[in-house]
Amino acid sequence: WIAEQRDVWQAADVVHRTKQHVDVIMSDTRVRKTLSLSNVVVVPRNPPALEGTNDLVTLQFLDEPNILHNLRIRYEQGEIYTNTGPILIAINPWKTLNIYSPDYIRLYDASNLDKEPGSL
């Protein structure tokens, strides 16, 4: 992963690296670039076999670009829930999902929370 701008990560393969520069091939365009390491952040990518994992702790590299990439892959697969160990990350799909029954929704409806104890 490379970031030429703050918070904008792009997939790239490192071809050569010195103390001052890095040569990369951009994954989307296959264009080769030589970049100054004083102007760019370079972060290792996870192996393709780990992409789309349902638990982020299984990633070899657990950092911003790899987490965001994994969440993007899972979102594109329709998987809106991802774990990070015991922590659940939910990505809002901005569409109705038929994954909960009406009884389940009623159980956790805000107006019923004080009437019935719920547990997860």
N, C-alpha and C. Protein backbone atom coordinates (compact mmCIF):
# COMPACT_ATOMS: atom_id res chain seq x y z
N TRP A 1 0.85 -1.18 0.00
CA TRP A 1 0.00 0.00 0.00
C TRP A 1 0.88 1.23 0.00
N ILE A 2 0.47 2.22 -0.76
CA ILE A 2 1.16 3.50 -0.72
C ILE A 2 0.13 4.61 -0.51
N ALA A 3 0.59 5.66 0.16
CA ALA A 3 -0.25 6.84 0.36
C ALA A 3 0.57 8.04 -0.07
N GLU A 4 0.21 8.60 -1.23
CA GLU A 4 0.84 9.83 -1.69
C GLU A 4 0.14 11.04 -1.08
N GLN A 5 -1.10 10.85 -0.65
CA GLN A 5 -1.87 11.88 0.03
C GLN A 5 -2.34 11.28 1.35
N ARG A 6 -2.57 12.12 2.32
CA ARG A 6 -3.02 11.65 3.63
C ARG A 6 -4.35 10.90 3.50
N ASP A 7 -4.40 9.70 4.08
CA ASP A 7 -5.61 8.86 4.14
C ASP A 7 -6.11 8.38 2.78
N VAL A 8 -5.27 8.40 1.76
CA VAL A 8 -5.65 7.87 0.45
C VAL A 8 -4.67 6.74 0.12
N TRP A 9 -5.12 5.51 0.35
CA TRP A 9 -4.26 4.34 0.15
C TRP A 9 -4.52 3.73 -1.22
N GLN A 10 -3.43 3.36 -1.89
CA GLN A 10 -3.52 2.72 -3.20
C GLN A 10 -2.69 1.44 -3.17
N ALA A 11 -3.24 0.40 -3.80
CA ALA A 11 -2.52 -0.87 -3.88
C ALA A 11 -1.39 -0.74 -4.90
N ALA A 12 -0.22 -1.22 -4.52
CA ALA A 12 0.94 -1.16 -5.40
C ALA A 12 1.92 -2.27 -5.02
N ASP A 13 2.71 -2.67 -5.99
CA ASP A 13 3.77 -3.66 -5.75
C ASP A 13 5.11 -2.94 -5.77
N VAL A 14 5.90 -3.14 -4.71
CA VAL A 14 7.23 -2.52 -4.66
C VAL A 14 8.17 -3.33 -5.54
N VAL A 15 8.83 -2.62 -6.47
CA VAL A 15 9.79 -3.25 -7.38
C VAL A 15 11.21 -3.08 -6.84
N HIS A 16 11.48 -1.90 -6.32
CA HIS A 16 12.83 -1.60 -5.80
C HIS A 16 12.71 -0.48 -4.77
N ARG A 17 13.58 -0.56 -3.76
CA ARG A 17 13.53 0.46 -2.71
C ARG A 17 14.95 0.81 -2.28
N THR A 18 15.19 2.11 -2.14
CA THR A 18 16.45 2.61 -1.58
C THR A 18 16.10 3.41 -0.34
N LYS A 19 17.09 4.06 0.26
CA LYS A 19 16.81 4.88 1.45
C LYS A 19 15.99 6.11 1.11
N GLN A 20 16.08 6.59 -0.13
CA GLN A 20 15.38 7.82 -0.52
C GLN A 20 14.17 7.60 -1.42
N HIS A 21 14.15 6.52 -2.19
CA HIS A 21 13.10 6.33 -3.20
C HIS A 21 12.54 4.91 -3.17
N VAL A 22 11.35 4.79 -3.74
CA VAL A 22 10.74 3.48 -3.93
C VAL A 22 10.15 3.44 -5.33
N ASP A 23 10.41 2.34 -6.03
CA ASP A 23 9.80 2.10 -7.34
C ASP A 23 8.64 1.14 -7.14
N VAL A 24 7.47 1.54 -7.63
CA VAL A 24 6.28 0.72 -7.47
C VAL A 24 5.57 0.56 -8.79
N ILE A 25 4.79 -0.50 -8.89
CA ILE A 25 3.86 -0.68 -10.00
C ILE A 25 2.46 -0.62 -9.39
N MET A 26 1.69 0.34 -9.86
CA MET A 26 0.34 0.55 -9.33
C MET A 26 -0.54 -0.64 -9.74
N SER A 27 -1.24 -1.21 -8.79
CA SER A 27 -2.03 -2.41 -9.05
C SER A 27 -3.18 -2.17 -10.02
N ASP A 28 -3.81 -1.00 -9.97
CA ASP A 28 -4.97 -0.76 -10.83
C ASP A 28 -4.60 -0.40 -12.26
N THR A 29 -3.51 0.34 -12.46
CA THR A 29 -3.16 0.80 -13.81
C THR A 29 -1.94 0.10 -14.39
N ARG A 30 -1.18 -0.61 -13.55
CA ARG A 30 0.07 -1.28 -13.92
C ARG A 30 1.14 -0.26 -14.36
N VAL A 31 0.98 1.00 -13.99
CA VAL A 31 1.95 2.06 -14.28
C VAL A 31 3.06 2.00 -13.24
N ARG A 32 4.30 2.12 -13.71
CA ARG A 32 5.45 2.13 -12.81
C ARG A 32 5.74 3.57 -12.39
N LYS A 33 5.98 3.77 -11.07
CA LYS A 33 6.28 5.09 -10.54
C LYS A 33 7.51 5.01 -9.66
N THR A 34 8.29 6.09 -9.68
CA THR A 34 9.38 6.25 -8.73
C THR A 34 8.97 7.38 -7.80
N LEU A 35 8.91 7.07 -6.50
CA LEU A 35 8.40 8.02 -5.52
C LEU A 35 9.45 8.29 -4.46
N SER A 36 9.48 9.52 -3.98
CA SER A 36 10.37 9.89 -2.89
C SER A 36 9.77 9.42 -1.58
N LEU A 37 10.54 8.74 -0.76
CA LEU A 37 10.04 8.25 0.52
C LEU A 37 9.76 9.38 1.51
N SER A 38 10.23 10.58 1.20
CA SER A 38 9.90 11.71 2.07
C SER A 38 8.48 12.22 1.80
N ASN A 39 7.88 11.79 0.68
CA ASN A 39 6.54 12.26 0.29
C ASN A 39 5.49 11.16 0.27
N VAL A 40 5.86 9.95 0.61
CA VAL A 40 4.92 8.84 0.48
C VAL A 40 5.08 7.90 1.67
N VAL A 41 3.99 7.25 2.03
CA VAL A 41 4.01 6.22 3.07
C VAL A 41 3.85 4.87 2.38
N VAL A 42 4.70 3.92 2.73
CA VAL A 42 4.64 2.58 2.16
C VAL A 42 4.34 1.59 3.29
N VAL A 43 3.31 0.77 3.10
CA VAL A 43 2.89 -0.21 4.10
C VAL A 43 2.73 -1.56 3.41
N PRO A 44 3.21 -2.64 4.02
CA PRO A 44 3.05 -3.97 3.40
C PRO A 44 1.59 -4.37 3.26
N ARG A 45 1.30 -5.14 2.21
CA ARG A 45 -0.05 -5.67 1.99
C ARG A 45 -0.12 -7.10 2.50
N ASN A 46 -1.30 -7.50 2.89
CA ASN A 46 -1.53 -8.89 3.28
C ASN A 46 -1.55 -9.79 2.06
N PRO A 47 -1.18 -11.06 2.23
CA PRO A 47 -1.28 -12.00 1.10
C PRO A 47 -2.73 -12.13 0.64
N PRO A 48 -2.95 -12.36 -0.65
CA PRO A 48 -4.32 -12.50 -1.17
C PRO A 48 -5.15 -13.56 -0.45
N ALA A 49 -4.51 -14.61 0.05
CA ALA A 49 -5.24 -15.68 0.73
C ALA A 49 -5.93 -15.18 2.00
N LEU A 50 -5.47 -14.07 2.57
CA LEU A 50 -6.07 -13.53 3.79
C LEU A 50 -7.15 -12.49 3.51
N GLU A 51 -7.30 -12.08 2.26
CA GLU A 51 -8.28 -11.05 1.94
C GLU A 51 -9.70 -11.57 2.15
N GLY A 52 -10.51 -10.75 2.79
CA GLY A 52 -11.90 -11.10 3.02
C GLY A 52 -12.13 -11.93 4.28
N THR A 53 -11.12 -12.06 5.12
CA THR A 53 -11.27 -12.84 6.35
C THR A 53 -12.36 -12.24 7.23
N ASN A 54 -13.06 -13.11 7.97
CA ASN A 54 -14.14 -12.61 8.82
C ASN A 54 -13.63 -12.15 10.18
N ASP A 55 -12.36 -12.36 10.50
CA ASP A 55 -11.77 -11.88 11.75
C ASP A 55 -10.45 -11.18 11.43
N LEU A 56 -10.41 -9.89 11.67
CA LEU A 56 -9.23 -9.10 11.30
C LEU A 56 -7.97 -9.52 12.04
N VAL A 57 -8.09 -10.16 13.20
CA VAL A 57 -6.88 -10.56 13.92
C VAL A 57 -6.10 -11.65 13.18
N THR A 58 -6.72 -12.26 12.17
CA THR A 58 -6.00 -13.27 11.38
C THR A 58 -5.14 -12.64 10.29
N LEU A 59 -5.25 -11.33 10.09
CA LEU A 59 -4.43 -10.66 9.09
C LEU A 59 -2.98 -10.61 9.55
N GLN A 60 -2.08 -10.74 8.63
CA GLN A 60 -0.65 -10.64 8.95
C GLN A 60 -0.30 -9.20 9.31
N PHE A 61 -0.87 -8.24 8.58
CA PHE A 61 -0.63 -6.81 8.83
C PHE A 61 -1.97 -6.17 9.22
N LEU A 62 -2.06 -5.73 10.46
CA LEU A 62 -3.30 -5.15 10.98
C LEU A 62 -3.09 -3.65 11.15
N ASP A 63 -3.29 -2.92 10.06
CA ASP A 63 -3.09 -1.48 10.04
C ASP A 63 -4.19 -0.85 9.18
N GLU A 64 -4.21 0.44 9.12
CA GLU A 64 -5.30 1.16 8.45
C GLU A 64 -5.59 0.68 7.02
N PRO A 65 -4.61 0.67 6.11
CA PRO A 65 -4.97 0.29 4.74
C PRO A 65 -5.43 -1.16 4.62
N ASN A 66 -4.84 -2.07 5.38
CA ASN A 66 -5.23 -3.48 5.30
C ASN A 66 -6.59 -3.73 5.93
N ILE A 67 -6.90 -3.03 7.01
CA ILE A 67 -8.23 -3.15 7.63
C ILE A 67 -9.29 -2.61 6.67
N LEU A 68 -9.07 -1.41 6.13
CA LEU A 68 -10.05 -0.81 5.22
C LEU A 68 -10.25 -1.67 3.97
N HIS A 69 -9.16 -2.23 3.44
CA HIS A 69 -9.26 -3.08 2.26
C HIS A 69 -10.09 -4.33 2.57
N ASN A 70 -9.82 -4.95 3.72
CA ASN A 70 -10.56 -6.16 4.09
C ASN A 70 -12.04 -5.85 4.28
N LEU A 71 -12.34 -4.73 4.94
CA LEU A 71 -13.74 -4.35 5.14
C LEU A 71 -14.42 -4.06 3.80
N ARG A 72 -13.70 -3.45 2.87
CA ARG A 72 -14.26 -3.16 1.53
C ARG A 72 -14.58 -4.46 0.80
N ILE A 73 -13.68 -5.43 0.86
CA ILE A 73 -13.91 -6.72 0.20
C ILE A 73 -15.14 -7.40 0.79
N ARG A 74 -15.22 -7.43 2.12
CA ARG A 74 -16.36 -8.08 2.77
C ARG A 74 -17.67 -7.36 2.44
N TYR A 75 -17.63 -6.02 2.42
CA TYR A 75 -18.82 -5.24 2.07
C TYR A 75 -19.28 -5.57 0.65
N GLU A 76 -18.33 -5.65 -0.29
CA GLU A 76 -18.67 -5.97 -1.68
C GLU A 76 -19.24 -7.38 -1.81
N GLN A 77 -18.91 -8.27 -0.87
CA GLN A 77 -19.44 -9.63 -0.86
C GLN A 77 -20.78 -9.72 -0.10
N GLY A 78 -21.26 -8.58 0.39
CA GLY A 78 -22.50 -8.56 1.15
C GLY A 78 -22.34 -8.94 2.60
N GLU A 79 -21.11 -9.01 3.07
CA GLU A 79 -20.81 -9.35 4.47
C GLU A 79 -20.61 -8.05 5.24
N ILE A 80 -21.62 -7.64 6.01
CA ILE A 80 -21.53 -6.35 6.69
C ILE A 80 -20.94 -6.46 8.09
N TYR A 81 -20.79 -7.68 8.60
CA TYR A 81 -20.22 -7.88 9.93
C TYR A 81 -18.84 -8.49 9.84
N THR A 82 -17.89 -7.91 10.57
CA THR A 82 -16.52 -8.41 10.63
C THR A 82 -16.05 -8.31 12.07
N ASN A 83 -15.37 -9.33 12.53
CA ASN A 83 -14.84 -9.33 13.90
C ASN A 83 -13.40 -8.85 13.92
N THR A 84 -13.03 -8.27 15.03
CA THR A 84 -11.64 -8.01 15.39
C THR A 84 -11.50 -8.62 16.78
N GLY A 85 -11.22 -9.91 16.81
CA GLY A 85 -11.26 -10.62 18.08
C GLY A 85 -12.68 -10.56 18.62
N PRO A 86 -12.88 -10.06 19.85
CA PRO A 86 -14.22 -10.01 20.42
C PRO A 86 -15.03 -8.77 20.00
N ILE A 87 -14.44 -7.89 19.20
CA ILE A 87 -15.10 -6.65 18.78
C ILE A 87 -15.77 -6.87 17.43
N LEU A 88 -17.03 -6.45 17.33
CA LEU A 88 -17.78 -6.58 16.07
C LEU A 88 -17.81 -5.23 15.36
N ILE A 89 -17.42 -5.25 14.08
CA ILE A 89 -17.51 -4.07 13.23
C ILE A 89 -18.68 -4.29 12.27
N ALA A 90 -19.61 -3.34 12.23
CA ALA A 90 -20.75 -3.43 11.32
C ALA A 90 -20.66 -2.28 10.33
N ILE A 91 -20.75 -2.59 9.05
CA ILE A 91 -20.74 -1.59 7.98
C ILE A 91 -22.18 -1.41 7.51
N ASN A 92 -22.68 -0.18 7.58
CA ASN A 92 -24.05 0.10 7.17
C ASN A 92 -24.17 -0.07 5.66
N PRO A 93 -25.01 -1.01 5.20
CA PRO A 93 -25.13 -1.23 3.74
C PRO A 93 -26.03 -0.23 3.04
N TRP A 94 -26.70 0.65 3.79
CA TRP A 94 -27.61 1.65 3.23
C TRP A 94 -28.68 1.02 2.35
N LYS A 95 -29.11 -0.18 2.77
CA LYS A 95 -30.23 -0.83 2.11
C LYS A 95 -30.86 -1.79 3.11
N THR A 96 -32.09 -2.18 2.86
CA THR A 96 -32.78 -3.10 3.74
C THR A 96 -32.25 -4.51 3.52
N LEU A 97 -31.92 -5.16 4.63
CA LEU A 97 -31.46 -6.54 4.57
C LEU A 97 -32.48 -7.42 5.29
N ASN A 98 -32.87 -8.49 4.69
CA ASN A 98 -33.83 -9.39 5.32
C ASN A 98 -33.09 -10.46 6.13
N ILE A 99 -32.36 -9.99 7.16
CA ILE A 99 -31.58 -10.93 7.96
C ILE A 99 -32.15 -11.10 9.36
N TYR A 100 -33.17 -10.32 9.72
CA TYR A 100 -33.78 -10.43 11.04
C TYR A 100 -35.28 -10.67 10.89
N SER A 101 -35.79 -11.58 11.67
CA SER A 101 -37.23 -11.86 11.64
C SER A 101 -37.97 -10.75 12.40
N PRO A 102 -39.26 -10.59 12.13
CA PRO A 102 -40.04 -9.58 12.87
C PRO A 102 -40.01 -9.82 14.38
N ASP A 103 -40.02 -11.09 14.82
CA ASP A 103 -39.95 -11.38 16.25
C ASP A 103 -38.64 -10.89 16.85
N TYR A 104 -37.55 -11.08 16.14
CA TYR A 104 -36.24 -10.65 16.62
C TYR A 104 -36.18 -9.13 16.71
N ILE A 105 -36.73 -8.46 15.72
CA ILE A 105 -36.74 -6.99 15.71
C ILE A 105 -37.59 -6.47 16.88
N ARG A 106 -38.77 -7.09 17.11
CA ARG A 106 -39.63 -6.67 18.23
C ARG A 106 -38.93 -6.85 19.57
N LEU A 107 -38.15 -7.92 19.72
CA LEU A 107 -37.46 -8.18 20.97
C LEU A 107 -36.51 -7.05 21.34
N TYR A 108 -35.85 -6.46 20.34
CA TYR A 108 -34.88 -5.40 20.59
C TYR A 108 -35.38 -4.01 20.24
N ASP A 109 -36.66 -3.89 19.95
CA ASP A 109 -37.25 -2.59 19.69
C ASP A 109 -37.10 -1.72 20.94
N ALA A 110 -36.82 -0.46 20.77
CA ALA A 110 -36.56 0.44 21.90
C ALA A 110 -37.74 0.48 22.88
N SER A 111 -38.96 0.36 22.40
CA SER A 111 -40.11 0.42 23.30
C SER A 111 -40.25 -0.83 24.16
N ASN A 112 -39.58 -1.93 23.80
CA ASN A 112 -39.65 -3.16 24.58
C ASN A 112 -38.46 -3.38 25.49
N LEU A 113 -37.43 -2.57 25.39
CA LEU A 113 -36.23 -2.82 26.16
C LEU A 113 -36.44 -2.79 27.66
N ASP A 114 -37.37 -1.95 28.13
CA ASP A 114 -37.60 -1.91 29.57
C ASP A 114 -38.57 -3.00 30.04
N LYS A 115 -39.26 -3.68 29.10
CA LYS A 115 -40.23 -4.71 29.46
C LYS A 115 -39.61 -6.10 29.51
N GLU A 116 -38.78 -6.44 28.56
CA GLU A 116 -38.19 -7.77 28.49
C GLU A 116 -36.67 -7.66 28.55
N PRO A 117 -36.05 -8.42 29.42
CA PRO A 117 -34.58 -8.40 29.42
C PRO A 117 -34.07 -9.11 28.17
N GLY A 118 -33.22 -8.45 27.44
CA GLY A 118 -32.62 -9.07 26.27
C GLY A 118 -31.18 -9.43 26.54
N SER A 119 -30.68 -10.40 25.85
CA SER A 119 -29.27 -10.75 25.99
C SER A 119 -28.74 -11.16 24.63
N LEU A 120 -27.51 -10.87 24.43
CA LEU A 120 -26.87 -11.23 23.17
C LEU A 120 -25.90 -12.34 23.40
